Amino acid sequence: MKVKMPGLMKQTTKLPSAPPMEANDVAIVTGGTVVWLIGFLVLLPFHSSMAAHGRGDWQWICLAGFGLGLIGIWYCRARRDAIRRDTARRDEARRAQRAPEQ
C-alpha cells in the first residue's frame, strides 16, 4: 500500500537532457596508448628485479594496455570517419531536397 505524505518530498521539474559533448576521442585514446607504451619501456630494464619481488607482470600489463590502446585508436578512427560520412550523406540529402523547391 502506497501512502502519500504531502510536504515530505519536494517536486522538481525535469529538465531536458543536454546534447552529448563532442571530444577528440582519437587524441584521448592515443594519449593513453602512448602512456602505456612509456610505462612498458620504463619498466623493461627492471624486469629481473621486479620479477624477483613478485612484480614481473607489471610490464606485461603495460604492453597489454598498449595493444588494447591500438585497437581503441583503430575503433575511434573508424567511428569518427563513419560519423563524418553520415553527416556528409545527410547534408547531401538535405541539399537534394531543397534543390527542386528553388
Foldseek 3Di string as FASTA:
>chain_A
DDDDDPPPDDDDDDDDDDPDDDDLQLVVLVVQLVVLVVQLVVCVVVQVVCVVVVNNCRSVVSVVSNVVSVVSNVVSVVVVVVVVVVVVVVVVVVVVVVVVVD
